[in-house]
Amino acid sequence: MNVDFIQATRTSYDTIADAYTEQFSDWSGIPLLDRVQINGFAELVKEQGAGPVADVGSGPGHVTAQLSALGLQVFGVDVSPRMVELARRAHPGLRFHVGSMTSLDLPAETLNGITALYSIIHVPDEHLPRAFAEFHRVLKPGAHALIGFQYEPGGGHMHLDERFGHKISLDYHWRTPDEVAEHLTEAGLQVIVRVLREPLDEEKLSRAYLVARKPA
């Protein structure tokens, strides 16, 4: 499998991790409409019973910490070692490890839930089926995944060579909710909730939250 995008994403986020964490590590800084989706998902997971939950693309770890505060047995996974280091430092009571959603180092059917918030945007189209197949593999039957992402109505792509004053090489894929839902369905997951919202304040892109369930 071509993993060049994984290395590029890892190197880019290692480079900007400190600046990114300084700007995007506050739970209260997440728009209320988005926090509602995350909090609601936590309640859905708890209704299914106890079990580990993976926050995939956990970044600074603030969402992982919120999910833990809501009563979930959660751990974070991120492709960037520097992000993982900063998350561990900020939240020493939680577990974070380096990993990629296209190859999760987890046994089959062991997770009670997955959150992937604004992390699938860095996965190219040809690798997204592999990522969702991994979600299907590690989720218990009846468990759910929450996928959050930015999108443009017709889809789109963006490449950045610089961010926070640092040179990087990072690709962003703005897939439509229908496209993401189709990939989830093809991976064997049932999309049961779609929440879409328009850009707020300085945002330029719409947001989508999809909840998918692994059939029992």
C-alpha atoms as a PDB file:
ATOM      1  CA  MET A   1       0.000   0.000   0.000  1.00  0.00           C
ATOM      2  CA  ASN A   2       1.273   3.442  -0.903  1.00  0.00           C
ATOM      3  CA  VAL A   3       1.790   5.216   2.404  1.00  0.00           C
ATOM      4  CA  ASP A   4       3.391   8.421   1.103  1.00  0.00           C
ATOM      5  CA  PHE A   5       0.364  10.423   2.260  1.00  0.00           C
ATOM      6  CA  ILE A   6       0.746   9.026   5.772  1.00  0.00           C
ATOM      7  CA  GLN A   7       4.358  10.145   5.972  1.00  0.00           C
ATOM      8  CA  ALA A   8       3.520  13.555   4.508  1.00  0.00           C
ATOM      9  CA  THR A   9       0.669  14.021   6.995  1.00  0.00           C
ATOM     10  CA  ARG A  10       2.824  12.841   9.903  1.00  0.00           C
ATOM     11  CA  THR A  11       5.720  15.133   9.017  1.00  0.00           C
ATOM     12  CA  SER A  12       3.429  18.109   8.451  1.00  0.00           C
ATOM     13  CA  TYR A  13       1.630  17.743  11.775  1.00  0.00           C
ATOM     14  CA  ASP A  14       4.880  17.096  13.621  1.00  0.00           C
ATOM     15  CA  THR A  15       6.062  20.412  12.204  1.00  0.00           C
ATOM     16  CA  ILE A  16       2.999  22.441  13.212  1.00  0.00           C
ATOM     17  CA  ALA A  17       1.944  20.473  16.308  1.00  0.00           C
ATOM     18  CA  ASP A  18       2.943  23.095  18.860  1.00  0.00           C
ATOM     19  CA  ALA A  19       1.304  25.987  17.023  1.00  0.00           C
ATOM     20  CA  TYR A  20      -1.766  23.908  16.196  1.00  0.00           C
ATOM     21  CA  THR A  21      -2.166  22.814  19.819  1.00  0.00           C
ATOM     22  CA  GLU A  22      -1.856  26.374  21.043  1.00  0.00           C
ATOM     23  CA  GLN A  23      -4.734  27.429  18.790  1.00  0.00           C
ATOM     24  CA  PHE A  24      -6.971  24.325  18.739  1.00  0.00           C
ATOM     25  CA  SER A  25      -6.827  22.553  22.108  1.00  0.00           C
ATOM     26  CA  ASP A  26      -9.750  24.140  23.945  1.00  0.00           C
ATOM     27  CA  TRP A  27     -13.008  22.177  24.134  1.00  0.00           C
ATOM     28  CA  SER A  28     -14.992  25.381  24.712  1.00  0.00           C
ATOM     29  CA  GLY A  29     -13.514  26.765  21.490  1.00  0.00           C
ATOM     30  CA  ILE A  30     -15.368  24.148  19.453  1.00  0.00           C
ATOM     31  CA  PRO A  31     -18.663  25.570  18.121  1.00  0.00           C
ATOM     32  CA  LEU A  32     -21.627  24.638  20.286  1.00  0.00           C
ATOM     33  CA  LEU A  33     -23.424  22.899  17.423  1.00  0.00           C
ATOM     34  CA  ASP A  34     -20.416  20.586  17.032  1.00  0.00           C
ATOM     35  CA  ARG A  35     -20.054  19.956  20.768  1.00  0.00           C
ATOM     36  CA  VAL A  36     -23.695  18.864  20.825  1.00  0.00           C
ATOM     37  CA  GLN A  37     -22.954  16.163  18.227  1.00  0.00           C
ATOM     38  CA  ILE A  38     -19.963  14.862  20.177  1.00  0.00           C
ATOM     39  CA  ASN A  39     -21.790  14.874  23.514  1.00  0.00           C
ATOM     40  CA  GLY A  40     -24.787  13.139  21.964  1.00  0.00           C
ATOM     41  CA  PHE A  41     -22.569  10.471  20.466  1.00  0.00           C
ATOM     42  CA  ALA A  42     -21.088   9.800  23.903  1.00  0.00           C
ATOM     43  CA  GLU A  43     -24.580   9.164  25.256  1.00  0.00           C
ATOM     44  CA  LEU A  44     -25.303   6.814  22.350  1.00  0.00           C
ATOM     45  CA  VAL A  45     -22.130   4.841  23.066  1.00  0.00           C
ATOM     46  CA  LYS A  46     -22.903   4.584  26.779  1.00  0.00           C
ATOM     47  CA  GLU A  47     -26.336   3.160  25.992  1.00  0.00           C
ATOM     48  CA  GLN A  48     -24.578   0.291  24.189  1.00  0.00           C
ATOM     49  CA  GLY A  49     -22.660  -0.624  27.363  1.00  0.00           C
ATOM     50  CA  ALA A  50     -19.076  -0.405  28.558  1.00  0.00           C
ATOM     51  CA  GLY A  51     -16.092  -0.825  26.295  1.00  0.00           C
ATOM     52  CA  PRO A  52     -13.143   1.034  24.794  1.00  0.00           C
ATOM     53  CA  VAL A  53     -13.614   3.900  22.358  1.00  0.00           C
ATOM     54  CA  ALA A  54     -10.928   5.171  19.957  1.00  0.00           C
ATOM     55  CA  ASP A  55     -10.637   8.851  19.103  1.00  0.00           C
ATOM     56  CA  VAL A  56      -8.890   8.515  15.737  1.00  0.00           C
ATOM     57  CA  GLY A  57      -6.959  11.611  14.715  1.00  0.00           C
ATOM     58  CA  SER A  58      -6.997  12.829  18.302  1.00  0.00           C
ATOM     59  CA  GLY A  59      -4.591  15.739  17.782  1.00  0.00           C
ATOM     60  CA  PRO A  60      -4.133  17.787  20.981  1.00  0.00           C
ATOM     61  CA  GLY A  61      -6.421  15.390  22.867  1.00  0.00           C
ATOM     62  CA  HIS A  62      -9.075  17.844  24.007  1.00  0.00           C
ATOM     63  CA  VAL A  63     -11.945  15.875  22.459  1.00  0.00           C
ATOM     64  CA  THR A  64     -10.535  12.655  23.903  1.00  0.00           C
ATOM     65  CA  ALA A  65     -10.479  14.317  27.319  1.00  0.00           C
ATOM     66  CA  GLN A  66     -14.088  15.492  26.944  1.00  0.00           C
ATOM     67  CA  LEU A  67     -15.245  12.007  25.977  1.00  0.00           C
ATOM     68  CA  SER A  68     -13.468  10.663  29.057  1.00  0.00           C
ATOM     69  CA  ALA A  69     -15.150  13.300  31.238  1.00  0.00           C
ATOM     70  CA  LEU A  70     -18.491  12.132  29.807  1.00  0.00           C
ATOM     71  CA  GLY A  71     -17.810   8.626  31.090  1.00  0.00           C
ATOM     72  CA  LEU A  72     -16.284   6.829  28.125  1.00  0.00           C
ATOM     73  CA  GLN A  73     -13.303   4.490  28.321  1.00  0.00           C
ATOM     74  CA  VAL A  74     -11.511   6.365  25.552  1.00  0.00           C
ATOM     75  CA  PHE A  75      -8.012   6.548  24.117  1.00  0.00           C
ATOM     76  CA  GLY A  76      -6.494   8.674  21.368  1.00  0.00           C
ATOM     77  CA  VAL A  77      -4.754   7.648  18.151  1.00  0.00           C
ATOM     78  CA  ASP A  78      -2.868  10.108  15.964  1.00  0.00           C
ATOM     79  CA  VAL A  79      -0.464   9.800  13.050  1.00  0.00           C
ATOM     80  CA  SER A  80       1.830  12.500  14.483  1.00  0.00           C
ATOM     81  CA  PRO A  81       4.257  11.502  17.274  1.00  0.00           C
ATOM     82  CA  ARG A  82       4.586  15.144  18.319  1.00  0.00           C
ATOM     83  CA  MET A  83       0.818  15.510  18.602  1.00  0.00           C
ATOM     84  CA  VAL A  84       0.716  12.367  20.730  1.00  0.00           C
ATOM     85  CA  GLU A  85       3.493  13.744  22.943  1.00  0.00           C
ATOM     86  CA  LEU A  86       1.636  17.017  23.487  1.00  0.00           C
ATOM     87  CA  ALA A  87      -1.661  15.229  24.153  1.00  0.00           C
ATOM     88  CA  ARG A  88      -0.012  12.993  26.756  1.00  0.00           C
ATOM     89  CA  ARG A  89       1.521  16.041  28.419  1.00  0.00           C
ATOM     90  CA  ALA A  90      -1.816  17.882  28.549  1.00  0.00           C
ATOM     91  CA  HIS A  91      -3.845  14.841  29.615  1.00  0.00           C
ATOM     92  CA  PRO A  92      -1.532  12.532  31.585  1.00  0.00           C
ATOM     93  CA  GLY A  93      -4.386  10.389  32.829  1.00  0.00           C
ATOM     94  CA  LEU A  94      -5.375   9.295  29.326  1.00  0.00           C
ATOM     95  CA  ARG A  95      -3.771   6.958  26.805  1.00  0.00           C
ATOM     96  CA  PHE A  96      -2.570   8.199  23.421  1.00  0.00           C
ATOM     97  CA  HIS A  97      -0.557   6.313  20.848  1.00  0.00           C
ATOM     98  CA  VAL A  98       0.797   6.799  17.337  1.00  0.00           C
ATOM     99  CA  GLY A  99      -1.147   5.068  14.590  1.00  0.00           C
ATOM    100  CA  SER A 100      -2.933   5.390  11.269  1.00  0.00           C
ATOM    101  CA  MET A 101      -6.630   4.821  10.632  1.00  0.00           C
ATOM    102  CA  THR A 102      -5.718   2.792   7.545  1.00  0.00           C
ATOM    103  CA  SER A 103      -3.991   0.190   9.719  1.00  0.00           C
ATOM    104  CA  LEU A 104      -5.210   0.254  13.312  1.00  0.00           C
ATOM    105  CA  ASP A 105      -3.119  -1.771  15.734  1.00  0.00           C
ATOM    106  CA  LEU A 106      -6.206  -3.190  17.441  1.00  0.00           C
ATOM    107  CA  PRO A 107      -7.854  -6.620  17.598  1.00  0.00           C
ATOM    108  CA  ALA A 108     -11.051  -7.231  15.647  1.00  0.00           C
ATOM    109  CA  GLU A 109     -14.421  -6.400  17.224  1.00  0.00           C
ATOM    110  CA  THR A 110     -13.017  -4.820  20.385  1.00  0.00           C
ATOM    111  CA  LEU A 111     -14.200  -1.198  20.209  1.00  0.00           C
ATOM    112  CA  ASN A 112     -17.463   0.141  21.558  1.00  0.00           C
ATOM    113  CA  GLY A 113     -17.143   3.261  19.434  1.00  0.00           C
ATOM    114  CA  ILE A 114     -14.952   5.367  17.164  1.00  0.00           C
ATOM    115  CA  THR A 115     -14.745   9.108  16.698  1.00  0.00           C
ATOM    116  CA  ALA A 116     -12.933  10.441  13.642  1.00  0.00           C
ATOM    117  CA  LEU A 117     -13.327  14.197  13.739  1.00  0.00           C
ATOM    118  CA  TYR A 118     -11.751  16.193  10.930  1.00  0.00           C
ATOM    119  CA  SER A 119      -9.179  13.448  10.308  1.00  0.00           C
ATOM    120  CA  ILE A 120     -10.530  11.656   7.225  1.00  0.00           C
ATOM    121  CA  ILE A 121      -9.982  14.896   5.308  1.00  0.00           C
ATOM    122  CA  HIS A 122      -6.303  13.972   4.945  1.00  0.00           C
ATOM    123  CA  VAL A 123      -6.971  10.490   3.535  1.00  0.00           C
ATOM    124  CA  PRO A 124      -6.936  10.284  -0.295  1.00  0.00           C
ATOM    125  CA  ASP A 125      -9.951   8.792  -2.050  1.00  0.00           C
ATOM    126  CA  GLU A 126      -8.169   5.566  -2.930  1.00  0.00           C
ATOM    127  CA  HIS A 127      -7.282   4.929   0.731  1.00  0.00           C
ATOM    128  CA  LEU A 128     -10.593   5.886   2.364  1.00  0.00           C
ATOM    129  CA  PRO A 129     -12.174   2.446   1.752  1.00  0.00           C
ATOM    130  CA  ARG A 130      -9.264   0.885   3.648  1.00  0.00           C
ATOM    131  CA  ALA A 131      -9.783   3.240   6.589  1.00  0.00           C
ATOM    132  CA  PHE A 132     -13.501   2.505   6.823  1.00  0.00           C
ATOM    133  CA  ALA A 133     -12.842  -1.219   6.436  1.00  0.00           C
ATOM    134  CA  GLU A 134     -10.587  -0.900   9.485  1.00  0.00           C
ATOM    135  CA  PHE A 135     -13.373   0.859  11.395  1.00  0.00           C
ATOM    136  CA  HIS A 136     -15.699  -2.017  10.508  1.00  0.00           C
ATOM    137  CA  ARG A 137     -13.100  -4.583  11.553  1.00  0.00           C
ATOM    138  CA  VAL A 138     -12.376  -3.165  15.017  1.00  0.00           C
ATOM    139  CA  LEU A 139     -15.930  -2.167  15.998  1.00  0.00           C
ATOM    140  CA  LYS A 140     -18.040  -4.605  17.972  1.00  0.00           C
ATOM    141  CA  PRO A 141     -21.309  -5.627  16.315  1.00  0.00           C
ATOM    142  CA  GLY A 142     -23.864  -2.939  17.115  1.00  0.00           C
ATOM    143  CA  ALA A 143     -21.216  -0.301  17.869  1.00  0.00           C
ATOM    144  CA  HIS A 144     -21.112   3.148  16.285  1.00  0.00           C
ATOM    145  CA  ALA A 145     -18.667   5.545  14.639  1.00  0.00           C
ATOM    146  CA  LEU A 146     -18.958   9.334  14.510  1.00  0.00           C
ATOM    147  CA  ILE A 147     -17.328  10.881  11.445  1.00  0.00           C
ATOM    148  CA  GLY A 148     -16.949  14.673  11.298  1.00  0.00           C
ATOM    149  CA  PHE A 149     -15.559  16.583   8.341  1.00  0.00           C
ATOM    150  CA  GLN A 150     -15.627  19.799   6.331  1.00  0.00           C
ATOM    151  CA  TYR A 151     -17.078  19.697   2.835  1.00  0.00           C
ATOM    152  CA  GLU A 152     -17.901  21.670  -0.262  1.00  0.00           C
ATOM    153  CA  PRO A 153     -21.200  21.015  -2.105  1.00  0.00           C
ATOM    154  CA  GLY A 154     -19.409  19.689  -5.177  1.00  0.00           C
ATOM    155  CA  GLY A 155     -16.423  18.222  -3.368  1.00  0.00           C
ATOM    156  CA  GLY A 156     -12.927  19.629  -3.695  1.00  0.00           C
ATOM    157  CA  HIS A 157      -9.258  19.381  -2.853  1.00  0.00           C
ATOM    158  CA  MET A 158      -6.694  21.710  -1.306  1.00  0.00           C
ATOM    159  CA  HIS A 159      -2.928  21.417  -0.901  1.00  0.00           C
ATOM    160  CA  LEU A 160      -0.993  23.529   1.602  1.00  0.00           C
ATOM    161  CA  ASP A 161       2.744  24.149   1.449  1.00  0.00           C
ATOM    162  CA  GLU A 162       2.730  26.435   4.485  1.00  0.00           C
ATOM    163  CA  ARG A 163       0.802  26.783   7.731  1.00  0.00           C
ATOM    164  CA  PHE A 164       1.557  28.703  10.932  1.00  0.00           C
ATOM    165  CA  GLY A 165       4.643  30.012   9.181  1.00  0.00           C
ATOM    166  CA  HIS A 166       6.106  26.525   8.659  1.00  0.00           C
ATOM    167  CA  LYS A 167       6.757  24.665   5.420  1.00  0.00           C
ATOM    168  CA  ILE A 168       4.554  21.578   5.128  1.00  0.00           C
ATOM    169  CA  SER A 169       3.000  19.333   2.481  1.00  0.00           C
ATOM    170  CA  LEU A 170      -0.572  18.618   3.466  1.00  0.00           C
ATOM    171  CA  ASP A 171      -3.570  17.629   1.354  1.00  0.00           C
ATOM    172  CA  TYR A 172      -7.213  18.224   2.265  1.00  0.00           C
ATOM    173  CA  HIS A 173     -10.111  16.364   0.639  1.00  0.00           C
ATOM    174  CA  TRP A 174     -13.514  18.084   0.870  1.00  0.00           C
ATOM    175  CA  ARG A 175     -15.872  15.168   0.104  1.00  0.00           C
ATOM    176  CA  THR A 176     -19.620  15.583   0.103  1.00  0.00           C
ATOM    177  CA  PRO A 177     -21.665  13.859   2.819  1.00  0.00           C
ATOM    178  CA  ASP A 178     -23.169  11.559   0.171  1.00  0.00           C
ATOM    179  CA  GLU A 179     -19.690  10.466  -0.923  1.00  0.00           C
ATOM    180  CA  VAL A 180     -18.568   9.718   2.617  1.00  0.00           C
ATOM    181  CA  ALA A 181     -21.824   7.907   3.373  1.00  0.00           C
ATOM    182  CA  GLU A 182     -21.358   5.774   0.270  1.00  0.00           C
ATOM    183  CA  HIS A 183     -17.862   4.765   1.371  1.00  0.00           C
ATOM    184  CA  LEU A 184     -19.167   3.869   4.835  1.00  0.00           C
ATOM    185  CA  THR A 185     -21.961   1.777   3.341  1.00  0.00           C
ATOM    186  CA  GLU A 186     -19.544  -0.043   1.058  1.00  0.00           C
ATOM    187  CA  ALA A 187     -17.447  -0.881   4.122  1.00  0.00           C
ATOM    188  CA  GLY A 188     -20.466  -2.580   5.704  1.00  0.00           C
ATOM    189  CA  LEU A 189     -21.487   0.238   8.044  1.00  0.00           C
ATOM    190  CA  GLN A 190     -25.039   1.596   8.197  1.00  0.00           C
ATOM    191  CA  VAL A 191     -25.320   5.390   8.171  1.00  0.00           C
ATOM    192  CA  ILE A 192     -28.097   6.196  10.626  1.00  0.00           C
ATOM    193  CA  VAL A 193     -27.614   9.936  11.286  1.00  0.00           C
ATOM    194  CA  ARG A 194     -26.595  12.859   9.071  1.00  0.00           C
ATOM    195  CA  VAL A 195     -26.205  16.337  10.553  1.00  0.00           C
ATOM    196  CA  LEU A 196     -25.142  19.137   8.213  1.00  0.00           C
ATOM    197  CA  ARG A 197     -24.506  22.764   9.040  1.00  0.00           C
ATOM    198  CA  GLU A 198     -23.481  25.889   7.176  1.00  0.00           C
ATOM    199  CA  PRO A 199     -20.208  27.751   7.878  1.00  0.00           C
ATOM    200  CA  LEU A 200     -20.175  29.827  11.056  1.00  0.00           C
ATOM    201  CA  ASP A 201     -18.391  33.135  11.614  1.00  0.00           C
ATOM    202  CA  GLU A 202     -14.990  32.935   9.857  1.00  0.00           C
ATOM    203  CA  GLU A 203     -15.447  29.394   8.576  1.00  0.00           C
ATOM    204  CA  LYS A 204     -15.382  28.938   4.807  1.00  0.00           C
ATOM    205  CA  LEU A 205     -16.645  25.356   4.565  1.00  0.00           C
ATOM    206  CA  SER A 206     -19.778  23.536   5.670  1.00  0.00           C
ATOM    207  CA  ARG A 207     -19.580  20.796   8.300  1.00  0.00           C
ATOM    208  CA  ALA A 208     -21.034  17.296   8.386  1.00  0.00           C
ATOM    209  CA  TYR A 209     -21.412  14.718  11.131  1.00  0.00           C
ATOM    210  CA  LEU A 210     -22.336  11.156  10.182  1.00  0.00           C
ATOM    211  CA  VAL A 211     -23.106   8.375  12.649  1.00  0.00           C
ATOM    212  CA  ALA A 212     -22.567   4.885  11.242  1.00  0.00           C
ATOM    213  CA  ARG A 213     -23.415   1.603  12.926  1.00  0.00           C
ATOM    214  CA  LYS A 214     -21.873  -1.817  12.484  1.00  0.00           C
ATOM    215  CA  PRO A 215     -24.759  -4.278  12.100  1.00  0.00           C
ATOM    216  CA  ALA A 216     -25.283  -6.514  15.110  1.00  0.00           C
END
